[in-house]
Amino acid sequence: MSAQVDLVHRAFDPAELLEAFHRGADDVGAVVSFTGFARGKAREGAPVAALVLESYRGVTLRSMEAIAAEALDRFDIASCRVVHRDGTILPGEAIVFVATAARHRRAAFEAADYLMDRLKTEAVFWKREEGPGGGRWIEPTDADRADAGRWA
């Protein structure tokens, strides 16, 4: 079992990441992936020019690695891959990529869902939306916390 976790400060291509992950996934019956993208509108509908994710690299990376390790322990998966951006992200650009590989689809789906719920609520990032009216800090919503709470 293996987990590969990266925190990157540049755009990435989810298709390339998925192809590389799939190429390295031997003797599995399922690969599940998820890519999250920056939206051009805030929850209330205001335009968003950019999403800014600030991190404290060592702490942020360790929080992501711990979440990935827990996914490996919890689910019957062979491997997982997590790539998360920090810095300034424009609408339409990828923020996060998660992939899981398992002998059976259910474990791969559940592990990917678990990873995203935990990354959204627990990975150490400070998130700010920038728009015409300036910047606004954003936090996980009650719905995000409820999704993560399913795994407790």
C-alpha atoms as a PDB file:
ATOM      1  CA  MET A   1       0.000   0.000   0.000  1.00  0.00           C
ATOM      2  CA  SER A   2       1.241   3.471  -0.810  1.00  0.00           C
ATOM      3  CA  ALA A   3       0.203   7.078  -0.604  1.00  0.00           C
ATOM      4  CA  GLN A   4       1.757   9.871  -2.604  1.00  0.00           C
ATOM      5  CA  VAL A   5       0.919  13.398  -1.466  1.00  0.00           C
ATOM      6  CA  ASP A   6       2.071  16.665  -3.020  1.00  0.00           C
ATOM      7  CA  LEU A   7       1.465  20.323  -2.246  1.00  0.00           C
ATOM      8  CA  VAL A   8       2.179  22.334  -5.394  1.00  0.00           C
ATOM      9  CA  HIS A   9       2.328  26.049  -6.159  1.00  0.00           C
ATOM     10  CA  ARG A  10       1.622  25.729  -9.882  1.00  0.00           C
ATOM     11  CA  ALA A  11      -1.127  24.552 -12.196  1.00  0.00           C
ATOM     12  CA  PHE A  12      -1.321  20.809 -12.840  1.00  0.00           C
ATOM     13  CA  ASP A  13      -3.026  18.618 -15.422  1.00  0.00           C
ATOM     14  CA  PRO A  14      -5.468  16.176 -13.774  1.00  0.00           C
ATOM     15  CA  ALA A  15      -5.526  13.969 -16.900  1.00  0.00           C
ATOM     16  CA  GLU A  16      -1.745  13.510 -16.758  1.00  0.00           C
ATOM     17  CA  LEU A  17      -1.910  12.717 -13.044  1.00  0.00           C
ATOM     18  CA  LEU A  18      -4.657  10.154 -13.608  1.00  0.00           C
ATOM     19  CA  GLU A  19      -2.782   8.513 -16.471  1.00  0.00           C
ATOM     20  CA  ALA A  20       0.394   8.223 -14.388  1.00  0.00           C
ATOM     21  CA  PHE A  21      -1.550   6.902 -11.380  1.00  0.00           C
ATOM     22  CA  HIS A  22      -3.362   4.324 -13.490  1.00  0.00           C
ATOM     23  CA  ARG A  23      -0.093   3.215 -15.107  1.00  0.00           C
ATOM     24  CA  GLY A  24       1.321   2.502 -11.644  1.00  0.00           C
ATOM     25  CA  ALA A  25      -1.778   0.718 -10.344  1.00  0.00           C
ATOM     26  CA  ASP A  26      -0.991  -2.958 -10.880  1.00  0.00           C
ATOM     27  CA  ASP A  27      -3.434  -5.760 -10.131  1.00  0.00           C
ATOM     28  CA  VAL A  28      -6.373  -3.513  -9.259  1.00  0.00           C
ATOM     29  CA  GLY A  29      -9.922  -3.677 -10.525  1.00  0.00           C
ATOM     30  CA  ALA A  30     -10.855  -0.051  -9.916  1.00  0.00           C
ATOM     31  CA  VAL A  31      -9.385   3.421 -10.062  1.00  0.00           C
ATOM     32  CA  VAL A  32     -11.498   6.345  -8.875  1.00  0.00           C
ATOM     33  CA  SER A  33     -10.475   9.966  -9.235  1.00  0.00           C
ATOM     34  CA  PHE A  34     -11.840  13.364  -8.284  1.00  0.00           C
ATOM     35  CA  THR A  35     -10.713  16.811  -9.379  1.00  0.00           C
ATOM     36  CA  GLY A  36     -11.931  19.969  -7.664  1.00  0.00           C
ATOM     37  CA  PHE A  37     -11.899  23.245  -9.626  1.00  0.00           C
ATOM     38  CA  ALA A  38     -11.993  26.897  -8.594  1.00  0.00           C
ATOM     39  CA  ARG A  39     -15.399  28.435  -9.233  1.00  0.00           C
ATOM     40  CA  GLY A  40     -15.988  31.836 -10.808  1.00  0.00           C
ATOM     41  CA  LYS A  41     -18.810  32.673  -8.405  1.00  0.00           C
ATOM     42  CA  ALA A  42     -18.997  32.724  -4.609  1.00  0.00           C
ATOM     43  CA  ARG A  43     -21.753  30.857  -2.719  1.00  0.00           C
ATOM     44  CA  GLU A  44     -23.962  33.938  -2.767  1.00  0.00           C
ATOM     45  CA  GLY A  45     -23.326  34.494  -6.485  1.00  0.00           C
ATOM     46  CA  ALA A  46     -20.748  37.304  -6.438  1.00  0.00           C
ATOM     47  CA  PRO A  47     -17.986  37.005  -9.045  1.00  0.00           C
ATOM     48  CA  VAL A  48     -14.689  35.505  -7.900  1.00  0.00           C
ATOM     49  CA  ALA A  49     -11.522  36.628  -9.682  1.00  0.00           C
ATOM     50  CA  ALA A  50      -9.272  34.190  -7.826  1.00  0.00           C
ATOM     51  CA  LEU A  51      -9.146  31.740  -4.951  1.00  0.00           C
ATOM     52  CA  VAL A  52      -6.076  32.222  -2.764  1.00  0.00           C
ATOM     53  CA  LEU A  53      -4.941  29.276  -0.657  1.00  0.00           C
ATOM     54  CA  GLU A  54      -2.307  30.113   1.907  1.00  0.00           C
ATOM     55  CA  SER A  55      -0.382  27.355   3.604  1.00  0.00           C
ATOM     56  CA  TYR A  56       2.398  26.797   6.056  1.00  0.00           C
ATOM     57  CA  ARG A  57       4.122  24.206   3.888  1.00  0.00           C
ATOM     58  CA  GLY A  58       5.412  21.769   6.503  1.00  0.00           C
ATOM     59  CA  VAL A  59       2.252  21.805   8.600  1.00  0.00           C
ATOM     60  CA  THR A  60      -0.075  21.691   5.596  1.00  0.00           C
ATOM     61  CA  LEU A  61       1.799  18.827   3.950  1.00  0.00           C
ATOM     62  CA  ARG A  62       1.870  16.828   7.192  1.00  0.00           C
ATOM     63  CA  SER A  63      -1.898  17.288   7.614  1.00  0.00           C
ATOM     64  CA  MET A  64      -2.484  15.997   4.070  1.00  0.00           C
ATOM     65  CA  GLU A  65      -0.105  13.062   4.556  1.00  0.00           C
ATOM     66  CA  ALA A  66      -1.878  12.061   7.785  1.00  0.00           C
ATOM     67  CA  ILE A  67      -5.264  12.069   6.024  1.00  0.00           C
ATOM     68  CA  ALA A  68      -3.887   9.911   3.182  1.00  0.00           C
ATOM     69  CA  ALA A  69      -2.281   7.464   5.639  1.00  0.00           C
ATOM     70  CA  GLU A  70      -5.571   7.140   7.504  1.00  0.00           C
ATOM     71  CA  ALA A  71      -7.372   6.388   4.218  1.00  0.00           C
ATOM     72  CA  LEU A  72      -4.888   3.583   3.517  1.00  0.00           C
ATOM     73  CA  ASP A  73      -5.483   2.147   6.988  1.00  0.00           C
ATOM     74  CA  ARG A  74      -9.248   2.467   6.856  1.00  0.00           C
ATOM     75  CA  PHE A  75     -10.085   1.204   3.354  1.00  0.00           C
ATOM     76  CA  ASP A  76      -9.011  -1.815   1.354  1.00  0.00           C
ATOM     77  CA  ILE A  77      -7.121   0.214  -1.237  1.00  0.00           C
ATOM     78  CA  ALA A  78      -3.772  -0.475  -2.841  1.00  0.00           C
ATOM     79  CA  SER A  79      -2.754   3.163  -3.244  1.00  0.00           C
ATOM     80  CA  CYS A  80      -3.856   6.762  -3.263  1.00  0.00           C
ATOM     81  CA  ARG A  81      -2.600   9.987  -4.800  1.00  0.00           C
ATOM     82  CA  VAL A  82      -3.332  13.484  -3.511  1.00  0.00           C
ATOM     83  CA  VAL A  83      -2.214  16.702  -5.198  1.00  0.00           C
ATOM     84  CA  HIS A  84      -3.333  20.035  -3.751  1.00  0.00           C
ATOM     85  CA  ARG A  85      -2.459  23.528  -4.905  1.00  0.00           C
ATOM     86  CA  ASP A  86      -1.728  26.558  -2.843  1.00  0.00           C
ATOM     87  CA  GLY A  87      -1.240  30.133  -3.981  1.00  0.00           C
ATOM     88  CA  THR A  88      -3.470  32.036  -6.388  1.00  0.00           C
ATOM     89  CA  ILE A  89      -5.865  29.852  -8.374  1.00  0.00           C
ATOM     90  CA  LEU A  90      -7.986  31.268 -11.186  1.00  0.00           C
ATOM     91  CA  PRO A  91     -11.558  30.168 -11.926  1.00  0.00           C
ATOM     92  CA  GLY A  92     -11.559  26.930 -13.892  1.00  0.00           C
ATOM     93  CA  GLU A  93      -8.129  25.838 -12.648  1.00  0.00           C
ATOM     94  CA  ALA A  94      -7.746  22.605 -10.691  1.00  0.00           C
ATOM     95  CA  ILE A  95      -7.352  22.953  -6.931  1.00  0.00           C
ATOM     96  CA  VAL A  96      -7.180  19.331  -5.820  1.00  0.00           C
ATOM     97  CA  PHE A  97      -6.754  15.895  -7.392  1.00  0.00           C
ATOM     98  CA  VAL A  98      -7.427  12.647  -5.558  1.00  0.00           C
ATOM     99  CA  ALA A  99      -7.129   9.123  -6.961  1.00  0.00           C
ATOM    100  CA  THR A 100      -7.546   5.756  -5.300  1.00  0.00           C
ATOM    101  CA  ALA A 101      -6.883   2.237  -6.562  1.00  0.00           C
ATOM    102  CA  ALA A 102      -8.407  -0.933  -5.169  1.00  0.00           C
ATOM    103  CA  ARG A 103      -9.265  -4.496  -6.120  1.00  0.00           C
ATOM    104  CA  HIS A 104     -12.958  -3.567  -5.965  1.00  0.00           C
ATOM    105  CA  ARG A 105     -14.822  -0.372  -6.848  1.00  0.00           C
ATOM    106  CA  ARG A 106     -16.633   0.217  -3.545  1.00  0.00           C
ATOM    107  CA  ALA A 107     -13.412   0.618  -1.573  1.00  0.00           C
ATOM    108  CA  ALA A 108     -11.975   2.946  -4.229  1.00  0.00           C
ATOM    109  CA  PHE A 109     -15.109   5.140  -4.234  1.00  0.00           C
ATOM    110  CA  GLU A 110     -15.352   5.276  -0.455  1.00  0.00           C
ATOM    111  CA  ALA A 111     -11.675   6.088   0.008  1.00  0.00           C
ATOM    112  CA  ALA A 112     -11.823   8.921  -2.544  1.00  0.00           C
ATOM    113  CA  ASP A 113     -14.941  10.339  -0.867  1.00  0.00           C
ATOM    114  CA  TYR A 114     -13.272  10.071   2.555  1.00  0.00           C
ATOM    115  CA  LEU A 115     -10.131  11.803   1.331  1.00  0.00           C
ATOM    116  CA  MET A 116     -12.072  14.726  -0.115  1.00  0.00           C
ATOM    117  CA  ASP A 117     -14.276  15.153   2.960  1.00  0.00           C
ATOM    118  CA  ARG A 118     -11.246  15.206   5.241  1.00  0.00           C
ATOM    119  CA  LEU A 119      -9.102  17.414   2.966  1.00  0.00           C
ATOM    120  CA  LYS A 120     -11.928  19.957   2.665  1.00  0.00           C
ATOM    121  CA  THR A 121     -12.393  20.279   6.420  1.00  0.00           C
ATOM    122  CA  GLU A 122      -9.058  19.352   8.027  1.00  0.00           C
ATOM    123  CA  ALA A 123      -6.120  20.055   5.717  1.00  0.00           C
ATOM    124  CA  VAL A 124      -4.350  23.168   7.001  1.00  0.00           C
ATOM    125  CA  PHE A 125      -5.124  25.936   4.511  1.00  0.00           C
ATOM    126  CA  TRP A 126      -6.318  29.518   4.814  1.00  0.00           C
ATOM    127  CA  LYS A 127      -8.733  30.221   1.948  1.00  0.00           C
ATOM    128  CA  ARG A 128      -9.681  33.591   0.544  1.00  0.00           C
ATOM    129  CA  GLU A 129     -11.870  34.526  -2.399  1.00  0.00           C
ATOM    130  CA  GLU A 130     -10.817  37.657  -4.289  1.00  0.00           C
ATOM    131  CA  GLY A 131     -13.402  39.614  -6.241  1.00  0.00           C
ATOM    132  CA  PRO A 132     -14.461  43.109  -7.278  1.00  0.00           C
ATOM    133  CA  GLY A 133     -15.320  43.977  -3.655  1.00  0.00           C
ATOM    134  CA  GLY A 134     -11.955  42.800  -2.291  1.00  0.00           C
ATOM    135  CA  GLY A 135     -11.044  39.634  -0.418  1.00  0.00           C
ATOM    136  CA  ARG A 136     -13.189  37.446   1.800  1.00  0.00           C
ATOM    137  CA  TRP A 137     -11.917  34.596   3.995  1.00  0.00           C
ATOM    138  CA  ILE A 138     -13.873  31.363   3.624  1.00  0.00           C
ATOM    139  CA  GLU A 139     -14.310  28.416   5.963  1.00  0.00           C
ATOM    140  CA  PRO A 140     -15.783  24.936   5.528  1.00  0.00           C
ATOM    141  CA  THR A 141     -19.583  25.050   5.653  1.00  0.00           C
ATOM    142  CA  ASP A 142     -21.851  23.167   8.034  1.00  0.00           C
ATOM    143  CA  ALA A 143     -22.578  20.806   5.119  1.00  0.00           C
ATOM    144  CA  ASP A 144     -18.835  20.207   4.643  1.00  0.00           C
ATOM    145  CA  ARG A 145     -18.481  19.382   8.344  1.00  0.00           C
ATOM    146  CA  ALA A 146     -21.524  17.063   8.217  1.00  0.00           C
ATOM    147  CA  ASP A 147     -20.004  15.232   5.241  1.00  0.00           C
ATOM    148  CA  ALA A 148     -16.736  14.743   7.144  1.00  0.00           C
ATOM    149  CA  GLY A 149     -18.667  13.705  10.246  1.00  0.00           C
ATOM    150  CA  ARG A 150     -19.979  10.629   8.420  1.00  0.00           C
ATOM    151  CA  TRP A 151     -16.567   9.047   8.848  1.00  0.00           C
ATOM    152  CA  ALA A 152     -16.328   9.483  12.656  1.00  0.00           C
END
